[in-house]
Amino acid sequence: MSAAIPLEAIQAAAGRIARLIVRTPLLRLPLDDLPIEIYLKLENLQPIGSFKLRGAGNAIAQASAAELARGVYTASAGNMAQGLAWNARRLGIPCQVIVPDHAPKTKLAAIRRLGGEIIKVPFDRWWDVIVSGEYEDLDGRFIHPVSDPAVMAGNGTIGLEILADLPDVDAVVIPYGGGGLSSGIASAMRALRPAARLYAVEVETAAPLSASLRAGKPVEVDYRPSFVDGIGGKSVLPEMWERVSSLLDDSLLVSLDEVRAAIRLLAERQRVIAEGAGAASVAAALAGKAGASKVVCVVSGGNIERGVLAEILAEG
């Protein structure tokens, strides 16, 4: 298996989903007081507030009518669930979602609003579904939120757009949940801009990729839930290890306080609302961890609890 998703598959995905998604802007963050150019790829502006619409849309578009006859399901803390439910509603098919017991209320409400049926389970059971790719009580078409090649190809369309808007980008920082977003974007970048540095970003309370890269093999870590719910896990998925370890240059670690500061800065200077996962890339870039050059930060989503956002803004 080649580590990279073929460029042709990503380009084909771009054609399939063009009418379903927002072609999100790439905006420079106003930072006159810092010697760095930070650009924001604003995936929080998608109709569901997250990049997940891309991968879900491409995966459903490639499934046959027979495969979709009993509906679709996935395991998700919230954003992939919304992406799948949005597309399922469009096609008039059922959508069921297995969510961990700490999933935020804002995301659960959005899933229900989009017509998705929620099945809440303990975190360890939810993680088992992510690892195994199945849930025995459901018989619809399972679409893996991370390792499905069609999902990764859809995610990779972000890389095509970044390069169209900033061909001389020096580095891209990508929030790391399970590797589906970073592998997709990195596949496009390695094919078209191999000189660019490609970084995952993880929060210190849930950083399996960083630990695995240091160990040279997948390892489990102590996962501590936080308001940064869109990234992080207990381990690197076995089927993703070859991809992420060869496509990415490193994984950058940020603290919860650094993420909070990035959320505040995005709101104050760019009027952008980012969830914890979406702001993590900006936190890494602001700390200089991606270098002092032209750095693109993928703001992967903006689905943050209102109370959490209010508390973070008040702290500033």
Protein backbone atom coordinates (compact mmCIF):
# COMPACT_ATOMS: atom_id res chain seq x y z
CA MET A 1 0.00 0.00 0.00
CA SER A 2 1.27 3.41 -0.92
CA ALA A 3 1.23 5.79 2.03
CA ALA A 4 -0.18 8.64 -0.03
CA ILE A 5 -3.70 8.89 -1.37
CA PRO A 6 -3.29 9.16 -5.17
CA LEU A 7 -3.45 12.71 -6.46
CA GLU A 8 -5.93 11.56 -9.11
CA ALA A 9 -8.31 10.37 -6.38
CA ILE A 10 -8.13 13.74 -4.63
CA GLN A 11 -8.71 15.64 -7.86
CA ALA A 12 -11.69 13.40 -8.66
CA ALA A 13 -13.08 14.03 -5.18
CA ALA A 14 -12.83 17.77 -5.78
CA GLY A 15 -15.12 17.38 -8.77
CA ARG A 16 -17.62 15.21 -6.90
CA ILE A 17 -18.06 17.50 -3.91
CA ALA A 18 -17.72 20.91 -5.57
CA ARG A 19 -21.45 21.60 -5.37
CA LEU A 20 -21.76 20.31 -1.80
CA ILE A 21 -19.11 22.31 0.01
CA VAL A 22 -17.94 25.87 0.50
CA ARG A 23 -14.68 26.66 -1.24
CA THR A 24 -13.27 28.13 1.98
CA PRO A 25 -11.01 31.20 1.98
CA LEU A 26 -7.36 31.40 2.98
CA LEU A 27 -6.91 34.57 5.02
CA ARG A 28 -3.76 36.05 6.52
CA LEU A 29 -4.00 36.53 10.27
CA PRO A 30 -3.21 40.15 11.23
CA LEU A 31 0.00 39.84 13.25
CA ASP A 32 1.97 43.04 12.86
CA ASP A 33 3.64 42.34 16.21
CA LEU A 34 5.08 38.94 15.20
CA PRO A 35 7.72 38.06 12.55
CA ILE A 36 5.64 35.30 10.95
CA GLU A 37 3.05 34.98 8.21
CA ILE A 38 0.14 32.87 9.42
CA TYR A 39 -2.66 32.02 7.01
CA LEU A 40 -5.99 30.53 8.10
CA LYS A 41 -7.75 27.86 6.04
CA LEU A 42 -11.22 28.48 7.41
CA GLU A 43 -13.01 25.12 7.34
CA ASN A 44 -15.22 26.36 10.17
CA LEU A 45 -17.17 28.13 7.40
CA GLN A 46 -18.51 24.88 5.95
CA PRO A 47 -22.31 24.44 6.25
CA ILE A 48 -21.80 22.11 9.22
CA GLY A 49 -18.94 24.17 10.69
CA SER A 50 -16.29 21.56 9.90
CA PHE A 51 -14.14 20.07 7.12
CA LYS A 52 -15.86 16.70 7.63
CA LEU A 53 -18.42 17.56 4.97
CA ARG A 54 -15.74 16.92 2.33
CA GLY A 55 -14.81 13.37 3.25
CA ALA A 56 -18.35 12.29 4.09
CA GLY A 57 -19.63 13.70 0.81
CA ASN A 58 -16.98 11.94 -1.26
CA ALA A 59 -17.48 8.60 0.50
CA ILE A 60 -21.26 8.64 0.05
CA ALA A 61 -20.91 9.73 -3.58
CA GLN A 62 -18.85 6.60 -4.31
CA ALA A 63 -21.16 4.14 -2.55
CA SER A 64 -23.69 2.22 -4.64
CA ALA A 65 -27.45 2.45 -4.18
CA ALA A 66 -27.44 -1.09 -2.80
CA GLU A 67 -24.80 -0.16 -0.21
CA LEU A 68 -26.86 2.84 0.90
CA ALA A 69 -30.22 1.05 0.98
CA ARG A 70 -30.13 0.51 4.76
CA GLY A 71 -28.60 3.90 5.45
CA VAL A 72 -25.20 4.86 6.80
CA TYR A 73 -23.52 5.06 10.18
CA THR A 74 -20.24 6.19 11.70
CA ALA A 75 -18.47 6.72 15.02
CA SER A 76 -17.79 10.34 15.79
CA ALA A 77 -17.43 12.85 18.59
CA GLY A 78 -19.56 15.21 16.54
CA ASN A 79 -18.16 16.66 13.33
CA MET A 80 -18.00 13.56 11.11
CA ALA A 81 -21.44 12.71 12.43
CA GLN A 82 -22.71 16.04 11.18
CA GLY A 83 -21.01 15.61 7.81
CA LEU A 84 -22.58 12.20 7.32
CA ALA A 85 -26.01 13.26 8.60
CA TRP A 86 -26.01 16.32 6.32
CA ASN A 87 -25.30 14.17 3.28
CA ALA A 88 -27.74 11.43 4.36
CA ARG A 89 -30.54 13.96 4.75
CA ARG A 90 -29.75 15.29 1.28
CA LEU A 91 -30.19 11.78 -0.13
CA GLY A 92 -33.15 10.84 2.06
CA ILE A 93 -31.46 7.88 3.76
CA PRO A 94 -31.15 7.05 7.49
CA CYS A 95 -28.04 7.99 9.43
CA GLN A 96 -26.99 6.61 12.80
CA VAL A 97 -24.06 7.86 14.84
CA ILE A 98 -22.16 6.25 17.70
CA VAL A 99 -20.86 9.00 19.96
CA PRO A 100 -18.70 8.93 23.12
CA ASP A 101 -20.36 9.81 26.39
CA HIS A 102 -18.42 13.08 26.66
CA ALA A 103 -19.53 14.42 23.26
CA PRO A 104 -20.44 18.12 23.57
CA LYS A 105 -24.09 19.12 23.65
CA THR A 106 -23.65 21.60 20.81
CA LYS A 107 -22.53 18.85 18.44
CA LEU A 108 -25.20 16.42 19.63
CA ALA A 109 -27.89 19.03 19.01
CA ALA A 110 -26.54 19.62 15.50
CA ILE A 111 -26.58 15.89 14.72
CA ARG A 112 -30.24 15.68 15.76
CA ARG A 113 -31.10 18.82 13.81
CA LEU A 114 -29.64 17.19 10.69
CA GLY A 115 -31.72 14.05 11.22
CA GLY A 116 -29.07 11.77 12.67
CA GLU A 117 -29.93 9.12 15.27
CA ILE A 118 -27.52 9.19 18.21
CA ILE A 119 -26.24 6.10 20.01
CA LYS A 120 -24.24 7.20 23.05
CA VAL A 121 -21.68 4.76 24.48
CA PRO A 122 -18.75 4.93 26.94
CA PHE A 123 -15.53 6.30 25.48
CA ASP A 124 -13.74 2.92 25.48
CA ARG A 125 -16.62 1.28 23.59
CA TRP A 126 -16.66 4.16 21.13
CA TRP A 127 -12.93 3.79 20.59
CA ASP A 128 -13.41 0.06 19.95
CA VAL A 129 -15.74 0.96 17.07
CA ILE A 130 -13.13 3.33 15.65
CA VAL A 131 -10.50 0.57 15.82
CA SER A 132 -12.66 -2.32 14.58
CA GLY A 133 -14.71 -0.42 12.02
CA GLU A 134 -18.00 -2.03 13.01
CA TYR A 135 -20.87 -1.95 15.48
CA GLU A 136 -22.69 -5.25 15.61
CA ASP A 137 -26.14 -3.80 16.31
CA LEU A 138 -26.27 -1.80 13.05
CA ASP A 139 -26.47 -3.07 9.47
CA GLY A 140 -26.13 0.12 7.44
CA ARG A 141 -23.05 1.12 5.45
CA PHE A 142 -20.28 2.00 7.93
CA ILE A 143 -18.18 4.97 6.83
CA HIS A 144 -15.02 5.18 8.87
CA PRO A 145 -14.37 8.76 10.03
CA VAL A 146 -10.61 8.42 9.55
CA SER A 147 -9.22 5.54 7.51
CA ASP A 148 -11.69 5.26 4.62
CA PRO A 149 -9.65 6.16 1.48
CA ALA A 150 -12.63 8.04 0.02
CA VAL A 151 -12.88 10.13 3.19
CA MET A 152 -9.17 10.94 3.05
CA ALA A 153 -9.41 11.86 -0.64
CA GLY A 154 -12.24 14.27 0.16
CA ASN A 155 -10.17 15.79 2.95
CA GLY A 156 -7.24 16.13 0.56
CA THR A 157 -9.16 18.67 -1.51
CA ILE A 158 -8.20 21.18 1.19
CA GLY A 159 -4.58 20.74 0.10
CA LEU A 160 -5.48 21.51 -3.50
CA GLU A 161 -7.18 24.74 -2.42
CA ILE A 162 -4.28 25.80 -0.20
CA LEU A 163 -1.84 25.43 -3.08
CA ALA A 164 -4.14 27.28 -5.48
CA ASP A 165 -4.24 30.25 -3.09
CA LEU A 166 -0.67 30.15 -1.73
CA PRO A 167 1.61 28.18 -4.10
CA ASP A 168 4.77 29.05 -2.15
CA VAL A 169 3.51 27.93 1.26
CA ASP A 170 6.36 26.83 3.51
CA ALA A 171 4.49 24.81 6.13
CA VAL A 172 1.00 23.49 6.85
CA VAL A 173 -0.20 22.68 10.37
CA ILE A 174 -3.10 20.22 10.57
CA PRO A 175 -5.13 19.18 13.63
CA TYR A 176 -4.63 15.45 14.31
CA GLY A 177 -7.54 13.32 15.46
CA GLY A 178 -6.97 10.02 13.73
CA GLY A 179 -4.95 11.05 10.70
CA GLY A 180 -7.63 11.23 8.03
CA LEU A 181 -7.38 14.99 7.59
CA SER A 182 -3.59 15.20 7.77
CA SER A 183 -3.09 12.20 5.46
CA GLY A 184 -5.43 13.64 2.85
CA ILE A 185 -3.90 17.11 2.87
CA ALA A 186 -0.34 15.74 3.04
CA SER A 187 -0.98 13.45 0.06
CA ALA A 188 -1.92 16.44 -2.10
CA MET A 189 0.96 18.53 -0.78
CA ARG A 190 3.61 15.81 -1.26
CA ALA A 191 2.51 15.44 -4.89
CA LEU A 192 2.39 19.13 -5.75
CA ARG A 193 4.59 20.98 -3.20
CA PRO A 194 7.04 18.42 -1.78
CA ALA A 195 9.26 21.14 -0.28
CA ALA A 196 6.57 22.23 2.18
CA ARG A 197 6.83 21.02 5.76
CA LEU A 198 3.77 19.19 6.98
CA TYR A 199 2.93 19.05 10.68
CA ALA A 200 0.22 17.43 12.71
CA VAL A 201 -0.77 19.21 15.89
CA GLU A 202 -1.99 17.53 19.07
CA VAL A 203 -2.96 18.76 22.50
CA GLU A 204 -0.75 17.53 25.34
CA THR A 205 -3.62 15.75 27.09
CA ALA A 206 -4.19 13.39 24.14
CA ALA A 207 -1.14 13.03 21.88
CA PRO A 208 -0.68 9.46 20.59
CA LEU A 209 1.02 10.46 17.34
CA SER A 210 3.77 12.43 19.04
CA ALA A 211 4.48 9.55 21.42
CA SER A 212 4.41 7.02 18.58
CA LEU A 213 6.78 9.03 16.40
CA ARG A 214 9.23 9.23 19.30
CA ALA A 215 8.94 5.48 19.90
CA GLY A 216 9.12 4.57 16.22
CA LYS A 217 5.95 2.50 16.49
CA PRO A 218 2.31 2.94 17.54
CA VAL A 219 1.95 3.24 21.32
CA GLU A 220 -0.98 3.89 23.65
CA VAL A 221 -1.12 7.06 25.75
CA ASP A 222 -3.13 8.30 28.70
CA TYR A 223 -6.13 10.05 27.15
CA ARG A 224 -7.61 12.87 29.21
CA PRO A 225 -10.82 14.44 27.86
CA SER A 226 -10.91 18.23 27.60
CA PHE A 227 -12.76 20.99 25.79
CA VAL A 228 -10.54 20.10 22.80
CA ASP A 229 -12.85 17.25 21.80
CA GLY A 230 -12.26 17.14 18.03
CA ILE A 231 -8.72 15.72 18.18
CA GLY A 232 -6.86 13.24 20.33
CA GLY A 233 -7.23 9.58 21.13
CA LYS A 234 -5.70 6.63 22.96
CA SER A 235 -3.44 5.45 20.13
CA VAL A 236 -2.59 5.76 16.46
CA LEU A 237 -4.84 3.48 14.42
CA PRO A 238 -2.71 0.58 13.08
CA GLU A 239 -3.89 1.09 9.51
CA MET A 240 -2.92 4.79 9.69
CA TRP A 241 0.59 4.42 11.09
CA GLU A 242 2.38 3.88 7.77
CA ARG A 243 0.58 6.84 6.21
CA VAL A 244 1.08 9.40 8.93
CA SER A 245 4.63 8.39 9.85
CA SER A 246 5.81 8.76 6.26
CA LEU A 247 3.69 11.69 5.08
CA LEU A 248 4.12 14.04 8.07
CA ASP A 249 7.32 15.71 9.24
CA ASP A 250 6.36 15.75 12.92
CA SER A 251 3.58 16.25 15.43
CA LEU A 252 3.60 19.54 17.34
CA LEU A 253 2.30 19.64 20.90
CA VAL A 254 0.28 22.49 22.37
CA SER A 255 -1.13 23.02 25.84
CA LEU A 256 -4.76 23.69 26.71
CA ASP A 257 -3.79 27.22 27.72
CA GLU A 258 -2.14 27.81 24.33
CA VAL A 259 -5.31 26.63 22.60
CA ARG A 260 -7.43 28.95 24.75
CA ALA A 261 -5.17 31.88 23.84
CA ALA A 262 -5.46 31.01 20.15
CA ILE A 263 -9.27 30.88 20.37
CA ARG A 264 -9.25 34.36 21.91
CA LEU A 265 -6.84 35.76 19.33
CA LEU A 266 -8.87 34.38 16.41
CA ALA A 267 -12.04 35.94 17.82
CA GLU A 268 -10.42 39.29 18.55
CA ARG A 269 -8.30 39.82 15.43
CA GLN A 270 -10.11 37.88 12.71
CA ARG A 271 -13.65 37.58 14.12
CA VAL A 272 -13.33 33.81 13.67
CA ILE A 273 -14.97 31.32 16.01
CA ALA A 274 -12.88 28.15 16.28
CA GLU A 275 -13.39 25.06 18.41
CA GLY A 276 -10.43 23.72 20.36
CA ALA A 277 -9.27 21.38 17.60
CA GLY A 278 -9.54 24.14 15.02
CA ALA A 279 -7.50 26.58 17.09
CA ALA A 280 -4.77 24.07 17.95
CA SER A 281 -2.99 24.61 14.64
CA VAL A 282 -2.93 28.36 15.24
CA ALA A 283 -1.61 27.81 18.76
CA ALA A 284 1.33 25.82 17.38
CA ALA A 285 2.12 28.43 14.74
CA LEU A 286 1.92 31.32 17.21
CA ALA A 287 4.44 29.52 19.42
CA GLY A 288 6.86 29.36 16.48
CA LYS A 289 6.74 25.56 16.40
CA ALA A 290 6.14 25.47 12.63
CA GLY A 291 8.89 27.96 11.81
CA ALA A 292 8.92 31.68 11.03
CA SER A 293 7.78 31.62 7.41
CA LYS A 294 4.55 31.27 5.42
CA VAL A 295 2.53 28.93 7.59
CA VAL A 296 -0.99 27.74 6.80
CA CYS A 297 -3.08 26.69 9.78
CA VAL A 298 -6.07 24.50 9.04
CA VAL A 299 -8.91 25.76 11.22
CA SER A 300 -10.72 22.46 11.04
CA GLY A 301 -13.97 23.44 12.75
CA GLY A 302 -15.91 25.97 14.77
CA ASN A 303 -18.37 23.84 16.72
CA ILE A 304 -17.60 24.92 20.26
CA GLU A 305 -19.97 24.95 23.23
CA ARG A 306 -21.26 28.46 23.84
CA GLY A 307 -20.51 28.23 27.54
CA VAL A 308 -16.96 27.06 26.90
CA LEU A 309 -16.40 29.86 24.39
CA ALA A 310 -17.81 32.47 26.77
CA GLU A 311 -15.54 31.24 29.57
CA ILE A 312 -12.45 31.29 27.35
CA LEU A 313 -13.19 34.78 26.06
CA ALA A 314 -13.85 36.04 29.59
CA GLU A 315 -10.48 34.70 30.75
CA GLY A 316 -8.81 37.03 28.30
